[in-house]
N, C-alpha and C. Protein backbone atom coordinates (compact mmCIF):
# COMPACT_ATOMS: atom_id res chain seq x y z
N UNK A 1 55.60 9.80 -6.63
CA UNK A 1 54.51 9.95 -7.43
C UNK A 1 54.66 9.65 -8.94
N UNK A 2 54.20 8.82 -9.57
CA UNK A 2 54.57 8.64 -11.12
C UNK A 2 53.67 9.69 -11.75
N UNK A 3 53.70 9.64 -12.99
CA UNK A 3 52.83 10.69 -14.06
C UNK A 3 52.51 9.77 -15.18
N UNK A 4 51.24 9.96 -15.53
CA UNK A 4 50.57 9.67 -16.92
C UNK A 4 50.41 11.09 -17.61
N UNK A 5 51.05 10.69 -18.89
CA UNK A 5 50.94 11.66 -19.69
C UNK A 5 49.96 11.32 -20.85
N UNK A 6 49.21 11.99 -21.38
CA UNK A 6 48.15 11.64 -22.30
C UNK A 6 48.17 12.80 -23.35
N UNK A 7 48.40 12.46 -24.56
CA UNK A 7 48.47 13.24 -25.67
C UNK A 7 49.24 14.19 -25.43
N UNK A 8 50.13 14.07 -24.98
CA UNK A 8 51.60 15.21 -24.69
C UNK A 8 50.89 16.24 -24.08
N UNK A 9 49.91 16.61 -23.46
CA UNK A 9 49.34 17.60 -23.41
C UNK A 9 48.92 17.49 -21.66
N UNK A 10 48.08 16.63 -21.29
CA UNK A 10 47.69 16.41 -19.70
C UNK A 10 48.68 15.50 -18.96
N UNK A 11 49.39 15.80 -18.06
CA UNK A 11 49.88 15.18 -17.01
C UNK A 11 49.10 15.24 -15.71
N UNK A 12 48.97 13.94 -15.23
CA UNK A 12 48.46 13.75 -13.98
C UNK A 12 49.52 12.75 -12.89
N UNK A 13 49.37 13.13 -11.80
CA UNK A 13 50.09 12.30 -10.90
C UNK A 13 49.49 11.36 -10.06
N UNK A 14 50.12 10.16 -10.06
CA UNK A 14 49.42 8.80 -9.37
C UNK A 14 50.52 8.24 -8.69
N UNK A 15 50.34 7.48 -7.59
CA UNK A 15 51.03 6.60 -6.68
C UNK A 15 51.38 5.73 -7.87
N UNK A 16 53.12 5.27 -7.75
CA UNK A 16 53.53 4.43 -8.72
C UNK A 16 52.69 2.91 -8.60
N UNK A 17 52.25 2.45 -7.41
CA UNK A 17 51.35 1.38 -7.37
C UNK A 17 50.25 1.41 -8.15
N UNK A 18 49.83 2.56 -8.08
CA UNK A 18 48.19 2.73 -9.06
C UNK A 18 48.45 2.87 -10.29
N UNK A 19 49.58 3.47 -10.63
CA UNK A 19 50.13 3.63 -11.84
C UNK A 19 50.75 2.25 -12.93
N UNK A 20 51.33 1.39 -12.18
CA UNK A 20 51.42 0.22 -12.62
C UNK A 20 50.10 -0.65 -13.00
N UNK A 21 49.28 -0.50 -12.20
CA UNK A 21 47.94 -1.57 -12.21
C UNK A 21 47.15 -0.82 -13.52
N UNK A 22 47.28 0.42 -13.51
CA UNK A 22 46.74 1.25 -14.58
C UNK A 22 47.07 1.14 -15.87
N UNK A 23 48.26 1.01 -15.97
CA UNK A 23 49.13 1.00 -17.15
C UNK A 23 48.72 -0.62 -17.74
N UNK A 24 48.38 -1.84 -16.72
CA UNK A 24 48.02 -3.00 -17.23
C UNK A 24 46.89 -3.06 -17.91
N UNK A 25 45.80 -2.06 -17.34
CA UNK A 25 44.56 -2.16 -17.43
C UNK A 25 44.38 -1.25 -19.06
N UNK A 26 44.73 -0.15 -18.93
CA UNK A 26 44.73 0.77 -20.09
C UNK A 26 45.45 0.00 -21.20
N UNK A 27 46.65 -0.45 -21.01
CA UNK A 27 47.18 -1.56 -22.13
C UNK A 27 46.31 -2.42 -22.62
N UNK A 28 46.09 -3.35 -21.84
CA UNK A 28 44.92 -4.41 -22.50
C UNK A 28 44.06 -3.74 -23.36
N UNK A 29 43.34 -2.61 -22.81
CA UNK A 29 41.97 -2.25 -23.74
C UNK A 29 42.42 -1.72 -24.91
N UNK A 30 43.66 -1.10 -24.56
CA UNK A 30 43.88 -0.04 -26.08
C UNK A 30 44.74 -1.29 -27.10
N UNK A 31 45.34 -2.48 -26.66
CA UNK A 31 45.89 -3.21 -27.55
C UNK A 31 44.94 -4.31 -28.29
N UNK A 32 43.68 -4.12 -27.55
CA UNK A 32 42.23 -4.68 -28.46
C UNK A 32 41.59 -3.66 -29.16
N UNK A 33 42.22 -2.27 -29.33
CA UNK A 33 41.49 -1.39 -30.20
C UNK A 33 40.14 -0.70 -29.47
N UNK A 34 40.26 -0.93 -28.42
CA UNK A 34 39.12 -0.30 -27.34
C UNK A 34 39.30 1.22 -26.98
N UNK A 35 38.58 1.76 -26.93
CA UNK A 35 38.25 3.48 -26.62
C UNK A 35 37.44 3.35 -25.57
N UNK A 36 37.70 4.15 -24.45
CA UNK A 36 37.07 4.01 -23.15
C UNK A 36 37.26 5.54 -22.24
N UNK A 37 36.44 5.56 -21.34
CA UNK A 37 36.58 6.74 -20.40
C UNK A 37 37.65 6.17 -19.40
N UNK A 38 38.44 7.21 -18.78
CA UNK A 38 39.05 6.91 -17.52
C UNK A 38 38.96 7.94 -16.56
N UNK A 39 38.07 7.99 -15.36
CA UNK A 39 37.84 9.13 -14.31
C UNK A 39 38.64 9.03 -13.21
N UNK A 40 39.04 10.11 -12.65
CA UNK A 40 39.48 10.04 -11.24
C UNK A 40 39.48 11.01 -10.44
N UNK A 41 39.56 11.09 -9.36
CA UNK A 41 39.29 12.20 -8.47
C UNK A 41 40.84 12.79 -8.39
N UNK A 42 40.47 14.35 -8.49
CA UNK A 42 41.53 15.08 -8.37
C UNK A 42 41.98 15.46 -7.07
N UNK A 43 43.40 15.67 -6.99
CA UNK A 43 44.04 15.83 -5.87
C UNK A 43 43.48 17.27 -5.13
N UNK A 44 43.48 17.79 -3.81
CA UNK A 44 43.21 18.94 -3.79
C UNK A 44 43.76 20.18 -3.94
N UNK A 45 45.13 19.86 -4.36
CA UNK A 45 46.15 20.72 -4.81
C UNK A 45 45.66 21.46 -6.23
N UNK A 46 44.83 20.75 -6.96
CA UNK A 46 44.14 21.15 -8.50
C UNK A 46 42.85 21.33 -8.24
N UNK A 47 41.91 21.35 -7.14
CA UNK A 47 40.46 21.48 -7.43
C UNK A 47 39.89 20.75 -6.77
N UNK A 48 40.59 19.59 -6.21
CA UNK A 48 39.60 18.49 -5.51
C UNK A 48 38.36 17.95 -6.57
N UNK A 49 38.55 18.44 -7.58
CA UNK A 49 37.22 17.69 -8.27
C UNK A 49 37.25 16.53 -9.13
N UNK A 50 36.95 16.30 -10.07
CA UNK A 50 37.01 14.70 -10.77
C UNK A 50 37.06 14.87 -12.65
N UNK A 51 38.24 14.44 -12.70
CA UNK A 51 38.48 14.59 -14.26
C UNK A 51 38.39 13.24 -14.94
N UNK A 52 37.72 13.54 -16.43
CA UNK A 52 37.47 12.29 -17.39
C UNK A 52 38.42 12.47 -18.49
N UNK A 53 38.91 11.60 -19.02
CA UNK A 53 39.51 11.70 -20.37
C UNK A 53 39.15 10.07 -21.28
N UNK A 54 39.03 10.65 -22.48
CA UNK A 54 38.54 9.62 -23.48
C UNK A 54 39.75 8.70 -24.14
N UNK A 55 40.06 7.79 -23.47
CA UNK A 55 41.34 7.01 -23.98
C UNK A 55 41.05 6.38 -25.35
N UNK A 56 41.99 6.33 -26.61
CA UNK A 56 41.78 6.02 -27.83
C UNK A 56 42.75 5.53 -27.94
N UNK A 57 43.28 4.06 -28.95
CA UNK A 57 44.65 3.82 -29.22
C UNK A 57 45.27 4.40 -29.95
N UNK A 58 44.70 5.58 -30.57
CA UNK A 58 45.80 6.59 -31.43
C UNK A 58 46.39 7.57 -30.95
N UNK A 59 46.15 7.92 -29.58
CA UNK A 59 46.53 9.13 -28.77
C UNK A 59 47.40 8.49 -27.92
N UNK A 60 48.54 8.76 -27.84
CA UNK A 60 49.96 8.24 -27.21
C UNK A 60 49.57 8.59 -25.49
N UNK A 61 50.13 7.73 -24.66
CA UNK A 61 49.80 7.43 -23.43
C UNK A 61 51.23 7.53 -22.82
N UNK A 62 51.97 8.00 -21.99
CA UNK A 62 53.41 7.82 -21.63
C UNK A 62 53.17 7.86 -20.08
N UNK A 63 53.91 6.73 -19.54
CA UNK A 63 53.94 6.16 -17.89
C UNK A 63 55.49 6.46 -17.48
N UNK A 64 55.59 7.68 -16.58
CA UNK A 64 56.93 8.00 -15.98
C UNK A 64 56.72 7.72 -14.49
N UNK A 65 57.67 6.59 -13.90
CA UNK A 65 57.60 6.18 -12.45
C UNK A 65 58.63 6.94 -11.70
N UNK A 66 58.03 7.38 -10.51
CA UNK A 66 59.34 8.01 -9.91
C UNK A 66 60.43 6.99 -9.32
N UNK A 67 59.79 5.79 -8.98
CA UNK A 67 60.88 4.70 -8.19
C UNK A 67 61.27 4.12 -9.20
N UNK A 68 62.19 3.24 -8.91
CA UNK A 68 63.05 2.53 -10.04
C UNK A 68 62.55 0.73 -9.91
N UNK A 69 61.98 0.89 -8.90
CA UNK A 69 61.71 -0.93 -8.97
C UNK A 69 60.13 -1.06 -9.51
N UNK A 70 59.89 -2.15 -9.86
CA UNK A 70 58.23 -2.33 -10.48
C UNK A 70 57.40 -3.01 -9.28
N UNK A 71 56.39 -2.13 -8.77
CA UNK A 71 55.67 -2.55 -7.79
C UNK A 71 55.03 -3.65 -7.85
N UNK A 72 54.75 -4.63 -7.01
CA UNK A 72 54.21 -6.02 -7.13
C UNK A 72 52.67 -5.69 -7.35
N UNK A 73 52.01 -6.60 -8.46
CA UNK A 73 51.04 -6.32 -9.10
C UNK A 73 50.00 -7.67 -8.33
N UNK A 74 48.60 -6.97 -8.08
CA UNK A 74 47.53 -7.69 -7.43
C UNK A 74 46.57 -7.98 -8.40
N UNK A 75 46.64 -9.48 -8.77
CA UNK A 75 45.70 -9.69 -9.66
C UNK A 75 44.24 -9.38 -9.59
N UNK A 76 43.84 -9.47 -8.54
CA UNK A 76 42.55 -9.27 -7.83
C UNK A 76 42.16 -7.78 -8.24
N UNK A 77 42.93 -6.55 -7.92
CA UNK A 77 42.95 -5.52 -8.27
C UNK A 77 42.69 -5.07 -9.63
N UNK A 78 43.51 -5.74 -10.44
CA UNK A 78 43.46 -5.57 -12.02
C UNK A 78 42.01 -6.12 -12.60
N UNK A 79 41.59 -7.23 -11.93
CA UNK A 79 40.35 -7.81 -12.47
C UNK A 79 39.41 -6.82 -11.91
N UNK A 80 39.44 -5.90 -10.92
CA UNK A 80 38.26 -5.14 -10.52
C UNK A 80 38.34 -3.84 -11.63
N UNK A 81 39.37 -3.47 -11.60
CA UNK A 81 39.79 -2.32 -12.40
C UNK A 81 39.23 -2.50 -13.98
N UNK A 82 39.59 -3.68 -14.31
CA UNK A 82 39.33 -4.03 -15.79
C UNK A 82 37.39 -4.08 -15.87
N UNK A 83 37.12 -4.74 -14.39
CA UNK A 83 35.55 -4.78 -14.40
C UNK A 83 34.92 -3.23 -14.59
N UNK A 84 35.50 -2.04 -14.18
CA UNK A 84 35.35 -0.89 -14.34
C UNK A 84 35.48 -0.55 -15.51
N UNK A 85 36.32 -0.75 -16.13
CA UNK A 85 37.11 -0.07 -17.62
C UNK A 85 35.84 -0.72 -18.68
N UNK A 86 35.59 -1.87 -18.36
CA UNK A 86 34.36 -2.71 -19.11
C UNK A 86 32.97 -2.29 -19.00
N UNK A 87 32.60 -1.24 -17.99
CA UNK A 87 31.36 -0.47 -18.01
C UNK A 87 31.32 0.56 -18.92
N UNK A 88 30.14 0.78 -18.55
CA UNK A 88 29.70 2.13 -19.65
C UNK A 88 30.39 3.27 -18.88
N UNK A 89 30.43 3.65 -17.66
CA UNK A 89 31.21 4.64 -16.70
C UNK A 89 32.55 4.29 -17.06
N UNK A 90 33.11 3.49 -17.48
CA UNK A 90 34.70 3.68 -17.88
C UNK A 90 35.70 3.39 -16.49
N UNK A 91 36.90 3.38 -16.90
CA UNK A 91 38.08 2.71 -15.99
C UNK A 91 37.79 3.94 -14.51
N UNK A 92 37.71 3.49 -13.69
CA UNK A 92 37.64 4.09 -12.37
C UNK A 92 38.82 3.43 -11.31
N UNK A 93 39.39 4.45 -10.65
CA UNK A 93 40.35 3.93 -9.46
C UNK A 93 39.35 3.45 -8.41
N UNK A 94 39.35 2.19 -8.06
CA UNK A 94 38.81 1.75 -6.89
C UNK A 94 39.46 1.22 -5.93
N UNK A 95 39.32 1.20 -4.45
CA UNK A 95 40.33 0.61 -3.68
C UNK A 95 40.95 -0.82 -3.74
N UNK A 96 42.06 -0.74 -3.46
CA UNK A 96 43.08 -2.14 -3.67
C UNK A 96 42.27 -3.30 -2.69
N UNK A 97 41.81 -4.40 -3.24
CA UNK A 97 41.51 -5.36 -2.32
C UNK A 97 42.67 -6.24 -1.93
N UNK A 98 42.34 -7.03 -0.95
CA UNK A 98 43.49 -8.18 -0.57
C UNK A 98 43.37 -9.05 -2.07
N UNK A 99 44.54 -9.47 -1.94
CA UNK A 99 44.90 -10.37 -3.16
C UNK A 99 44.42 -11.80 -2.96
N UNK A 100 43.50 -12.40 -3.84
CA UNK A 100 43.17 -13.50 -3.49
C UNK A 100 44.35 -14.72 -3.73
N UNK A 101 44.51 -15.42 -2.81
CA UNK A 101 45.64 -16.65 -2.79
C UNK A 101 44.97 -17.99 -3.56
N UNK A 102 45.57 -18.68 -4.48
CA UNK A 102 45.24 -20.20 -4.72
C UNK A 102 45.09 -20.95 -3.69
N UNK A 103 44.19 -21.78 -3.53
CA UNK A 103 44.36 -22.62 -2.21
C UNK A 103 44.94 -23.77 -2.77
N UNK A 104 45.99 -24.34 -1.76
CA UNK A 104 46.97 -25.33 -2.36
C UNK A 104 46.27 -26.76 -1.90
N UNK A 105 46.47 -27.68 -2.93
CA UNK A 105 45.90 -28.93 -2.73
C UNK A 105 46.54 -29.76 -1.38
N UNK A 106 45.85 -30.27 -0.74
CA UNK A 106 46.45 -31.06 0.61
C UNK A 106 47.09 -32.37 -0.27
């Protein structure tokens, strides 16, 4: 399990693969100076509820991965996560779709 630390106070555990995809989406939004909500379902160990934070470019975000290897990136998942991040409800973790492959010309 990797960790996302927000504003040096909130620390949330995410699977390394999920965290890698979140890092790309969050980084893209913050690089464009865009603020947005990010919500996730809490683990049963911390109450099994739902948490929401307001991500803003001036507030530090730190990613700590458990494993040493960079997980493979699924572009289709990035697109779906980005679509939620651009919605009024903000970024939500959606199930990973199968990656679409480009069709090779014959």
